[in-house]
Amino acid sequence: MAIKVYKPTTPSRRHTSVLISDANRKSNPVKSLRVTKKRKGGRNNQGKITVRHIGGGAKRFIRIVDFKRAKFDIPAKVETIEYDPNRNANIALICYADGARKYILAADKMKVGDKIINSKVKYLRGIGNRFPLELIPTGIAVYNIELEEGQGGKIVRGAGTSAILMSIEGKYAQLKMPSGEIRKVSKECLATVGQVSNPEYRNIRWGKAGRMRHLGIKPTVRGKAMNPVDHPHGGGEARNSIGLKHPKTPWGKPALGVKTRRANKKSDKLIVQRRKKKRRK
């Protein structure tokens, strides 16, 4: 995989780059493993916008990705590595020895023809294999991790991400998350060995607003550019400050640096060390 940077032959090509990937972009997804994607534009059943900046975008199918991988001790072969328009990571089509086909999150450096396996009995080396955390040696990078046994992978699923298995203590395994947070997860939860595919995704320079519209992402307007009726930061005749002690959301609540995690959350006891905040430059 590599990043291709365009020459500035037009204003829209200036500062634009694309990802040259090994993933197959031309083949259609397997019909039995796809469903049509209904567009809601961020609106609920009353037609009210509940999630902003969503709308438009290219038509697409949803690929049904198997995050559980509950077929144990049956070897599988990677048939294709495919582009998925619904996520930033690539997906792999695998075929089990019994003939069943599934889409899974592809691991970095996974290739067509690779053999993978899911097991609850024995650890086998190789990226893309899936085991309970208690079977995986410490220091190994893992992804697509369950938070509850049998629930399916819930965390560490973004392109290029991985968590490090630090230790096994009692009923829990300690994981260092991509954010730097250290948290406990039941040692019986399943995780996939390796790193999520497409690590170069974070280096793409989108270049123009139109590419974001193709993804279904609508523009974000600054509060300062609005009228006072539309935003607490709005108003003024020129380049004024926001005129407030602290920044606010469009609904008047404090923004930037305010804790949004609910107090006394059940999972607080499982977090050993919080992530470190990045300083604003």
C-alpha atoms as a PDB file:
ATOM      1  CA  MET A   1       0.000   0.000   0.000  1.00  0.00           C
ATOM      2  CA  ALA A   2       1.176   3.485  -0.827  1.00  0.00           C
ATOM      3  CA  ILE A   3      -0.030   7.074  -0.893  1.00  0.00           C
ATOM      4  CA  LYS A   4      -0.174   8.695  -4.331  1.00  0.00           C
ATOM      5  CA  VAL A   5       0.121  12.503  -4.282  1.00  0.00           C
ATOM      6  CA  TYR A   6      -1.335  14.319  -7.288  1.00  0.00           C
ATOM      7  CA  LYS A   7       0.407  17.158  -9.093  1.00  0.00           C
ATOM      8  CA  PRO A   8      -1.462  20.470  -8.708  1.00  0.00           C
ATOM      9  CA  THR A   9      -2.766  20.510 -12.286  1.00  0.00           C
ATOM     10  CA  THR A  10      -6.072  22.034 -11.086  1.00  0.00           C
ATOM     11  CA  PRO A  11      -7.085  23.824  -7.869  1.00  0.00           C
ATOM     12  CA  SER A  12      -8.996  20.708  -6.727  1.00  0.00           C
ATOM     13  CA  ARG A  13      -5.971  18.467  -7.310  1.00  0.00           C
ATOM     14  CA  ARG A  14      -3.694  20.645  -5.180  1.00  0.00           C
ATOM     15  CA  HIS A  15      -2.913  18.997  -1.801  1.00  0.00           C
ATOM     16  CA  THR A  16      -4.875  15.872  -2.838  1.00  0.00           C
ATOM     17  CA  SER A  17      -3.680  12.307  -2.288  1.00  0.00           C
ATOM     18  CA  VAL A  18      -5.222   8.851  -2.662  1.00  0.00           C
ATOM     19  CA  LEU A  19      -4.456   5.436  -1.221  1.00  0.00           C
ATOM     20  CA  ILE A  20      -3.144   2.858  -3.687  1.00  0.00           C
ATOM     21  CA  SER A  21      -4.300  -0.373  -2.070  1.00  0.00           C
ATOM     22  CA  ASP A  22      -4.024  -4.075  -2.858  1.00  0.00           C
ATOM     23  CA  ALA A  23      -7.724  -4.445  -1.993  1.00  0.00           C
ATOM     24  CA  ASN A  24     -10.013  -5.456  -4.849  1.00  0.00           C
ATOM     25  CA  ARG A  25     -12.288  -2.503  -5.640  1.00  0.00           C
ATOM     26  CA  LYS A  26     -13.918  -3.852  -8.819  1.00  0.00           C
ATOM     27  CA  SER A  27     -15.514  -7.119  -7.717  1.00  0.00           C
ATOM     28  CA  ASN A  28     -19.090  -7.010  -6.449  1.00  0.00           C
ATOM     29  CA  PRO A  29     -19.693  -8.251  -2.890  1.00  0.00           C
ATOM     30  CA  VAL A  30     -21.092 -11.759  -2.445  1.00  0.00           C
ATOM     31  CA  LYS A  31     -24.882 -11.436  -2.836  1.00  0.00           C
ATOM     32  CA  SER A  32     -25.675 -13.563   0.207  1.00  0.00           C
ATOM     33  CA  LEU A  33     -23.395 -11.360   2.334  1.00  0.00           C
ATOM     34  CA  ARG A  34     -24.778  -7.946   1.387  1.00  0.00           C
ATOM     35  CA  VAL A  35     -27.860  -5.856   2.140  1.00  0.00           C
ATOM     36  CA  THR A  36     -29.020  -2.528   0.749  1.00  0.00           C
ATOM     37  CA  LYS A  37     -28.198   0.550   2.783  1.00  0.00           C
ATOM     38  CA  LYS A  38     -31.167   2.779   3.593  1.00  0.00           C
ATOM     39  CA  ARG A  39     -30.426   6.491   3.791  1.00  0.00           C
ATOM     40  CA  LYS A  40     -31.788   8.472   6.696  1.00  0.00           C
ATOM     41  CA  GLY A  41     -29.747  11.668   6.453  1.00  0.00           C
ATOM     42  CA  GLY A  42     -29.184  11.672  10.212  1.00  0.00           C
ATOM     43  CA  ARG A  43     -32.929  11.908  10.874  1.00  0.00           C
ATOM     44  CA  ASN A  44     -35.112   9.939  13.274  1.00  0.00           C
ATOM     45  CA  ASN A  45     -38.635   8.555  12.674  1.00  0.00           C
ATOM     46  CA  GLN A  46     -40.076  12.067  13.161  1.00  0.00           C
ATOM     47  CA  GLY A  47     -37.894  13.535  10.441  1.00  0.00           C
ATOM     48  CA  LYS A  48     -35.835  15.528  12.934  1.00  0.00           C
ATOM     49  CA  ILE A  49     -32.055  15.714  12.544  1.00  0.00           C
ATOM     50  CA  THR A  50     -30.496  13.846  15.472  1.00  0.00           C
ATOM     51  CA  VAL A  51     -27.006  13.400  13.961  1.00  0.00           C
ATOM     52  CA  ARG A  52     -25.658  16.399  12.084  1.00  0.00           C
ATOM     53  CA  HIS A  53     -23.470  16.513   8.966  1.00  0.00           C
ATOM     54  CA  ILE A  54     -24.865  13.310   7.402  1.00  0.00           C
ATOM     55  CA  GLY A  55     -26.448  13.155   3.962  1.00  0.00           C
ATOM     56  CA  GLY A  56     -25.925  12.374   0.287  1.00  0.00           C
ATOM     57  CA  GLY A  57     -22.937  10.276  -0.719  1.00  0.00           C
ATOM     58  CA  ALA A  58     -22.455   7.482  -3.212  1.00  0.00           C
ATOM     59  CA  LYS A  59     -24.855   4.550  -3.236  1.00  0.00           C
ATOM     60  CA  ARG A  60     -23.479   1.462  -1.528  1.00  0.00           C
ATOM     61  CA  PHE A  61     -24.239  -1.993  -0.196  1.00  0.00           C
ATOM     62  CA  ILE A  62     -23.638  -2.997   3.411  1.00  0.00           C
ATOM     63  CA  ARG A  63     -21.306  -5.992   3.621  1.00  0.00           C
ATOM     64  CA  ILE A  64     -22.299  -8.304   6.475  1.00  0.00           C
ATOM     65  CA  VAL A  65     -19.046  -8.612   8.440  1.00  0.00           C
ATOM     66  CA  ASP A  66     -18.661 -11.496  10.903  1.00  0.00           C
ATOM     67  CA  PHE A  67     -17.251  -9.877  14.059  1.00  0.00           C
ATOM     68  CA  LYS A  68     -17.962 -12.970  16.211  1.00  0.00           C
ATOM     69  CA  ARG A  69     -16.137 -15.645  14.164  1.00  0.00           C
ATOM     70  CA  ALA A  70     -17.779 -18.415  16.162  1.00  0.00           C
ATOM     71  CA  LYS A  71     -16.795 -21.355  13.888  1.00  0.00           C
ATOM     72  CA  PHE A  72     -14.045 -22.931  15.976  1.00  0.00           C
ATOM     73  CA  ASP A  73     -11.265 -25.329  14.973  1.00  0.00           C
ATOM     74  CA  ILE A  74     -12.308 -25.263  11.299  1.00  0.00           C
ATOM     75  CA  PRO A  75      -9.502 -23.917   9.072  1.00  0.00           C
ATOM     76  CA  ALA A  76     -10.395 -21.176   6.603  1.00  0.00           C
ATOM     77  CA  LYS A  77      -8.710 -19.794   3.496  1.00  0.00           C
ATOM     78  CA  VAL A  78      -8.575 -16.124   2.477  1.00  0.00           C
ATOM     79  CA  GLU A  79     -10.171 -15.839  -0.982  1.00  0.00           C
ATOM     80  CA  THR A  80     -10.105 -12.064  -1.551  1.00  0.00           C
ATOM     81  CA  ILE A  81      -9.126  -8.814   0.149  1.00  0.00           C
ATOM     82  CA  GLU A  82     -11.820  -6.245  -0.680  1.00  0.00           C
ATOM     83  CA  TYR A  83     -12.537  -2.545  -0.265  1.00  0.00           C
ATOM     84  CA  ASP A  84     -15.518  -1.781   1.978  1.00  0.00           C
ATOM     85  CA  PRO A  85     -17.165   1.640   1.442  1.00  0.00           C
ATOM     86  CA  ASN A  86     -18.728   1.497   4.930  1.00  0.00           C
ATOM     87  CA  ARG A  87     -15.450   1.454   6.907  1.00  0.00           C
ATOM     88  CA  ASN A  88     -11.864   2.652   6.620  1.00  0.00           C
ATOM     89  CA  ALA A  89     -10.374  -0.865   6.948  1.00  0.00           C
ATOM     90  CA  ASN A  90     -10.365  -3.538   4.246  1.00  0.00           C
ATOM     91  CA  ILE A  91     -12.360  -6.744   4.605  1.00  0.00           C
ATOM     92  CA  ALA A  92     -11.417 -10.296   3.653  1.00  0.00           C
ATOM     93  CA  LEU A  93     -13.681 -12.970   2.185  1.00  0.00           C
ATOM     94  CA  ILE A  94     -12.813 -16.306   3.800  1.00  0.00           C
ATOM     95  CA  CYS A  95     -14.013 -19.793   2.981  1.00  0.00           C
ATOM     96  CA  TYR A  96     -14.127 -22.394   5.767  1.00  0.00           C
ATOM     97  CA  ALA A  97     -13.324 -26.056   5.132  1.00  0.00           C
ATOM     98  CA  ASP A  98     -17.048 -26.874   5.375  1.00  0.00           C
ATOM     99  CA  GLY A  99     -17.809 -24.452   2.499  1.00  0.00           C
ATOM    100  CA  ALA A 100     -19.213 -21.524   4.527  1.00  0.00           C
ATOM    101  CA  ARG A 101     -18.165 -18.056   3.336  1.00  0.00           C
ATOM    102  CA  LYS A 102     -17.843 -15.030   5.618  1.00  0.00           C
ATOM    103  CA  TYR A 103     -16.523 -11.476   5.496  1.00  0.00           C
ATOM    104  CA  ILE A 104     -14.087 -10.579   8.291  1.00  0.00           C
ATOM    105  CA  LEU A 105     -11.956  -7.545   9.143  1.00  0.00           C
ATOM    106  CA  ALA A 106      -8.699  -8.030   7.249  1.00  0.00           C
ATOM    107  CA  ALA A 107      -5.425  -7.888   9.156  1.00  0.00           C
ATOM    108  CA  ASP A 108      -2.478  -5.846   7.927  1.00  0.00           C
ATOM    109  CA  LYS A 109      -0.192  -7.949   5.661  1.00  0.00           C
ATOM    110  CA  MET A 110      -2.918 -10.586   5.204  1.00  0.00           C
ATOM    111  CA  LYS A 111      -2.745 -12.028   1.689  1.00  0.00           C
ATOM    112  CA  VAL A 112      -4.981 -14.054  -0.612  1.00  0.00           C
ATOM    113  CA  GLY A 113      -4.369 -17.764   0.028  1.00  0.00           C
ATOM    114  CA  ASP A 114      -3.472 -17.370   3.721  1.00  0.00           C
ATOM    115  CA  LYS A 115      -4.867 -19.988   6.126  1.00  0.00           C
ATOM    116  CA  ILE A 116      -6.500 -18.777   9.365  1.00  0.00           C
ATOM    117  CA  ILE A 117      -8.311 -20.449  12.246  1.00  0.00           C
ATOM    118  CA  ASN A 118     -10.461 -19.672  15.288  1.00  0.00           C
ATOM    119  CA  SER A 119      -9.879 -21.749  18.395  1.00  0.00           C
ATOM    120  CA  LYS A 120     -10.698 -21.844  22.116  1.00  0.00           C
ATOM    121  CA  VAL A 121      -8.269 -24.690  22.812  1.00  0.00           C
ATOM    122  CA  LYS A 122      -4.797 -23.940  21.430  1.00  0.00           C
ATOM    123  CA  TYR A 123      -2.824 -20.873  20.316  1.00  0.00           C
ATOM    124  CA  LEU A 124      -1.340 -21.016  16.817  1.00  0.00           C
ATOM    125  CA  ARG A 125       0.986 -18.365  15.402  1.00  0.00           C
ATOM    126  CA  GLY A 126      -0.222 -16.290  12.492  1.00  0.00           C
ATOM    127  CA  ILE A 127      -1.983 -12.988  11.841  1.00  0.00           C
ATOM    128  CA  GLY A 128      -5.753 -13.174  11.482  1.00  0.00           C
ATOM    129  CA  ASN A 129      -6.151 -16.110  13.890  1.00  0.00           C
ATOM    130  CA  ARG A 130      -8.707 -15.625  16.683  1.00  0.00           C
ATOM    131  CA  PHE A 131      -8.385 -16.892  20.268  1.00  0.00           C
ATOM    132  CA  PRO A 132      -9.460 -16.081  23.835  1.00  0.00           C
ATOM    133  CA  LEU A 133      -7.126 -13.527  25.401  1.00  0.00           C
ATOM    134  CA  GLU A 134      -5.924 -16.077  27.987  1.00  0.00           C
ATOM    135  CA  LEU A 135      -4.330 -18.177  25.186  1.00  0.00           C
ATOM    136  CA  ILE A 136      -2.497 -15.287  23.513  1.00  0.00           C
ATOM    137  CA  PRO A 137       1.094 -14.557  24.686  1.00  0.00           C
ATOM    138  CA  THR A 138       1.634 -11.182  26.360  1.00  0.00           C
ATOM    139  CA  GLY A 139       3.120  -8.420  24.229  1.00  0.00           C
ATOM    140  CA  ILE A 140       1.168  -9.505  21.130  1.00  0.00           C
ATOM    141  CA  ALA A 141      -0.865  -6.936  19.150  1.00  0.00           C
ATOM    142  CA  VAL A 142      -4.585  -7.785  18.870  1.00  0.00           C
ATOM    143  CA  TYR A 143      -7.711  -6.199  17.372  1.00  0.00           C
ATOM    144  CA  ASN A 144     -11.491  -6.738  17.041  1.00  0.00           C
ATOM    145  CA  ILE A 145     -11.762  -7.442  20.775  1.00  0.00           C
ATOM    146  CA  GLU A 146     -14.901  -8.518  22.619  1.00  0.00           C
ATOM    147  CA  LEU A 147     -16.031  -6.657  25.735  1.00  0.00           C
ATOM    148  CA  GLU A 148     -18.287  -9.532  26.803  1.00  0.00           C
ATOM    149  CA  GLU A 149     -17.825 -13.185  25.915  1.00  0.00           C
ATOM    150  CA  GLY A 150     -19.805 -14.210  22.827  1.00  0.00           C
ATOM    151  CA  GLN A 151     -20.856 -10.639  22.034  1.00  0.00           C
ATOM    152  CA  GLY A 152     -18.565 -10.204  19.034  1.00  0.00           C
ATOM    153  CA  GLY A 153     -15.727  -7.743  18.541  1.00  0.00           C
ATOM    154  CA  LYS A 154     -16.633  -4.222  19.697  1.00  0.00           C
ATOM    155  CA  ILE A 155     -13.380  -2.303  20.107  1.00  0.00           C
ATOM    156  CA  VAL A 156     -10.150  -1.721  18.114  1.00  0.00           C
ATOM    157  CA  ARG A 157     -11.711  -2.056  14.661  1.00  0.00           C
ATOM    158  CA  GLY A 158     -10.492   1.130  12.899  1.00  0.00           C
ATOM    159  CA  ALA A 159      -7.914   1.089  10.091  1.00  0.00           C
ATOM    160  CA  GLY A 160      -4.351   0.555  11.335  1.00  0.00           C
ATOM    161  CA  THR A 161      -5.310   0.174  15.010  1.00  0.00           C
ATOM    162  CA  SER A 162      -4.216  -2.510  17.469  1.00  0.00           C
ATOM    163  CA  ALA A 163      -4.108  -3.054  21.232  1.00  0.00           C
ATOM    164  CA  ILE A 164      -1.230  -4.636  23.155  1.00  0.00           C
ATOM    165  CA  LEU A 165      -1.940  -7.509  25.529  1.00  0.00           C
ATOM    166  CA  MET A 166       0.022  -6.527  28.631  1.00  0.00           C
ATOM    167  CA  SER A 167      -0.790  -9.181  31.230  1.00  0.00           C
ATOM    168  CA  ILE A 168      -3.294 -11.757  32.522  1.00  0.00           C
ATOM    169  CA  GLU A 169      -4.292 -11.286  36.164  1.00  0.00           C
ATOM    170  CA  GLY A 170      -7.039 -13.370  37.733  1.00  0.00           C
ATOM    171  CA  LYS A 171     -10.227 -13.183  35.655  1.00  0.00           C
ATOM    172  CA  TYR A 172      -9.016 -10.276  33.537  1.00  0.00           C
ATOM    173  CA  ALA A 173      -6.524  -9.441  30.810  1.00  0.00           C
ATOM    174  CA  GLN A 174      -4.963  -5.969  30.735  1.00  0.00           C
ATOM    175  CA  LEU A 175      -4.892  -4.264  27.344  1.00  0.00           C
ATOM    176  CA  LYS A 176      -3.171  -1.072  26.249  1.00  0.00           C
ATOM    177  CA  MET A 177      -5.628   0.572  23.867  1.00  0.00           C
ATOM    178  CA  PRO A 178      -4.663   2.632  20.780  1.00  0.00           C
ATOM    179  CA  SER A 179      -5.545   5.797  22.762  1.00  0.00           C
ATOM    180  CA  GLY A 180      -3.031   4.899  25.495  1.00  0.00           C
ATOM    181  CA  GLU A 181      -5.747   3.873  27.970  1.00  0.00           C
ATOM    182  CA  ILE A 182      -5.079   0.691  29.935  1.00  0.00           C
ATOM    183  CA  ARG A 183      -8.205  -1.314  30.700  1.00  0.00           C
ATOM    184  CA  LYS A 184      -9.260  -4.764  31.858  1.00  0.00           C
ATOM    185  CA  VAL A 185     -11.225  -7.202  29.692  1.00  0.00           C
ATOM    186  CA  SER A 186     -12.341 -10.697  30.665  1.00  0.00           C
ATOM    187  CA  LYS A 187      -9.644 -13.181  29.700  1.00  0.00           C
ATOM    188  CA  GLU A 188     -12.297 -15.399  28.062  1.00  0.00           C
ATOM    189  CA  CYS A 189     -13.153 -12.705  25.477  1.00  0.00           C
ATOM    190  CA  LEU A 190     -11.984 -13.374  21.926  1.00  0.00           C
ATOM    191  CA  ALA A 191      -9.473 -11.222  20.038  1.00  0.00           C
ATOM    192  CA  THR A 192      -7.815 -11.461  16.630  1.00  0.00           C
ATOM    193  CA  VAL A 193      -4.022 -11.517  16.390  1.00  0.00           C
ATOM    194  CA  GLY A 194      -2.433  -8.695  14.399  1.00  0.00           C
ATOM    195  CA  GLN A 195      -3.196  -5.133  13.356  1.00  0.00           C
ATOM    196  CA  VAL A 196      -6.216  -3.893  11.392  1.00  0.00           C
ATOM    197  CA  SER A 197      -5.504  -3.469   7.678  1.00  0.00           C
ATOM    198  CA  ASN A 198      -5.088  -0.177   5.807  1.00  0.00           C
ATOM    199  CA  PRO A 199      -2.743   1.648   8.274  1.00  0.00           C
ATOM    200  CA  GLU A 200      -1.969   4.366   5.687  1.00  0.00           C
ATOM    201  CA  TYR A 201      -5.575   5.597   5.751  1.00  0.00           C
ATOM    202  CA  ARG A 202      -4.764   8.289   8.321  1.00  0.00           C
ATOM    203  CA  ASN A 203      -2.286   9.915   5.892  1.00  0.00           C
ATOM    204  CA  ILE A 204      -4.798  10.566   3.101  1.00  0.00           C
ATOM    205  CA  ARG A 205      -5.230  14.252   2.224  1.00  0.00           C
ATOM    206  CA  TRP A 206      -8.783  14.651   0.949  1.00  0.00           C
ATOM    207  CA  GLY A 207      -7.945  17.840  -0.926  1.00  0.00           C
ATOM    208  CA  LYS A 208     -11.443  19.114  -1.669  1.00  0.00           C
ATOM    209  CA  ALA A 209     -14.870  19.228  -0.101  1.00  0.00           C
ATOM    210  CA  GLY A 210     -16.409  17.121  -2.873  1.00  0.00           C
ATOM    211  CA  ARG A 211     -14.553  13.986  -1.773  1.00  0.00           C
ATOM    212  CA  MET A 212     -16.122  14.290   1.672  1.00  0.00           C
ATOM    213  CA  ARG A 213     -19.561  14.703   0.098  1.00  0.00           C
ATOM    214  CA  HIS A 214     -19.014  11.416  -1.771  1.00  0.00           C
ATOM    215  CA  LEU A 215     -18.494   9.795   1.648  1.00  0.00           C
ATOM    216  CA  GLY A 216     -21.839  11.188   2.842  1.00  0.00           C
ATOM    217  CA  ILE A 217     -20.288  13.825   5.120  1.00  0.00           C
ATOM    218  CA  LYS A 218     -21.826  17.299   4.903  1.00  0.00           C
ATOM    219  CA  PRO A 219     -19.951  20.531   5.769  1.00  0.00           C
ATOM    220  CA  THR A 220     -19.360  21.760   9.315  1.00  0.00           C
ATOM    221  CA  VAL A 221     -19.916  25.524   9.648  1.00  0.00           C
ATOM    222  CA  ARG A 222     -18.083  27.522  12.343  1.00  0.00           C
ATOM    223  CA  GLY A 223     -20.256  29.018  15.046  1.00  0.00           C
ATOM    224  CA  LYS A 224     -18.482  32.395  14.615  1.00  0.00           C
ATOM    225  CA  ALA A 225     -19.675  32.511  11.004  1.00  0.00           C
ATOM    226  CA  MET A 226     -23.343  32.292  12.092  1.00  0.00           C
ATOM    227  CA  ASN A 227     -25.845  34.822  13.373  1.00  0.00           C
ATOM    228  CA  PRO A 228     -26.477  35.188  17.126  1.00  0.00           C
ATOM    229  CA  VAL A 229     -29.867  33.477  16.700  1.00  0.00           C
ATOM    230  CA  ASP A 230     -28.165  30.343  15.355  1.00  0.00           C
ATOM    231  CA  HIS A 231     -25.171  29.900  17.667  1.00  0.00           C
ATOM    232  CA  PRO A 232     -23.812  31.334  20.968  1.00  0.00           C
ATOM    233  CA  HIS A 233     -20.580  32.278  19.117  1.00  0.00           C
ATOM    234  CA  GLY A 234     -22.445  34.101  16.333  1.00  0.00           C
ATOM    235  CA  GLY A 235     -22.685  37.804  15.563  1.00  0.00           C
ATOM    236  CA  GLY A 236     -20.248  40.690  15.302  1.00  0.00           C
ATOM    237  CA  GLU A 237     -19.255  42.972  12.457  1.00  0.00           C
ATOM    238  CA  ALA A 238     -15.753  41.666  11.819  1.00  0.00           C
ATOM    239  CA  ARG A 239     -13.237  39.150  13.181  1.00  0.00           C
ATOM    240  CA  ASN A 240     -14.383  39.237  16.777  1.00  0.00           C
ATOM    241  CA  SER A 241     -13.709  36.807  19.582  1.00  0.00           C
ATOM    242  CA  ILE A 242     -16.546  34.555  20.666  1.00  0.00           C
ATOM    243  CA  GLY A 243     -17.140  36.904  23.584  1.00  0.00           C
ATOM    244  CA  LEU A 244     -17.565  34.114  26.097  1.00  0.00           C
ATOM    245  CA  LYS A 245     -15.483  32.784  28.965  1.00  0.00           C
ATOM    246  CA  HIS A 246     -15.590  29.260  27.478  1.00  0.00           C
ATOM    247  CA  PRO A 247     -16.632  27.897  24.076  1.00  0.00           C
ATOM    248  CA  LYS A 248     -20.178  26.526  23.842  1.00  0.00           C
ATOM    249  CA  THR A 249     -22.068  24.055  21.688  1.00  0.00           C
ATOM    250  CA  PRO A 250     -24.895  25.268  19.416  1.00  0.00           C
ATOM    251  CA  TRP A 251     -27.259  24.393  22.297  1.00  0.00           C
ATOM    252  CA  GLY A 252     -25.399  26.494  24.869  1.00  0.00           C
ATOM    253  CA  LYS A 253     -23.618  23.717  26.735  1.00  0.00           C
ATOM    254  CA  PRO A 254     -19.879  23.938  27.566  1.00  0.00           C
ATOM    255  CA  ALA A 255     -17.545  22.577  24.873  1.00  0.00           C
ATOM    256  CA  LEU A 256     -13.835  21.716  24.488  1.00  0.00           C
ATOM    257  CA  GLY A 257     -12.281  19.941  27.457  1.00  0.00           C
ATOM    258  CA  VAL A 258     -15.551  19.127  29.219  1.00  0.00           C
ATOM    259  CA  LYS A 259     -15.890  15.548  30.434  1.00  0.00           C
ATOM    260  CA  THR A 260     -18.672  13.749  28.580  1.00  0.00           C
ATOM    261  CA  ARG A 261     -18.331  10.327  30.227  1.00  0.00           C
ATOM    262  CA  ARG A 262     -21.194   9.559  32.599  1.00  0.00           C
ATOM    263  CA  ALA A 263     -20.258   9.600  36.299  1.00  0.00           C
ATOM    264  CA  ASN A 264     -20.200   6.271  38.171  1.00  0.00           C
ATOM    265  CA  LYS A 265     -20.321   4.234  34.982  1.00  0.00           C
ATOM    266  CA  LYS A 266     -20.309   0.478  35.489  1.00  0.00           C
ATOM    267  CA  SER A 267     -17.084  -0.022  33.526  1.00  0.00           C
ATOM    268  CA  ASP A 268     -15.101   2.591  35.530  1.00  0.00           C
ATOM    269  CA  LYS A 269     -13.641  -0.148  37.709  1.00  0.00           C
ATOM    270  CA  LEU A 270     -12.187  -1.840  34.605  1.00  0.00           C
ATOM    271  CA  ILE A 271     -10.163   1.200  33.523  1.00  0.00           C
ATOM    272  CA  VAL A 272      -6.707   1.007  35.095  1.00  0.00           C
ATOM    273  CA  GLN A 273      -5.242   4.146  33.525  1.00  0.00           C
ATOM    274  CA  ARG A 274      -6.992   6.883  31.550  1.00  0.00           C
ATOM    275  CA  ARG A 275      -5.724   8.001  28.177  1.00  0.00           C
ATOM    276  CA  LYS A 276      -3.533  11.088  28.161  1.00  0.00           C
ATOM    277  CA  LYS A 277      -5.096  14.179  26.632  1.00  0.00           C
ATOM    278  CA  LYS A 278      -3.296  15.686  23.662  1.00  0.00           C
ATOM    279  CA  ARG A 279      -2.320  19.295  24.173  1.00  0.00           C
ATOM    280  CA  ARG A 280      -3.850  21.762  21.741  1.00  0.00           C
ATOM    281  CA  LYS A 281      -1.196  23.620  19.773  1.00  0.00           C
END
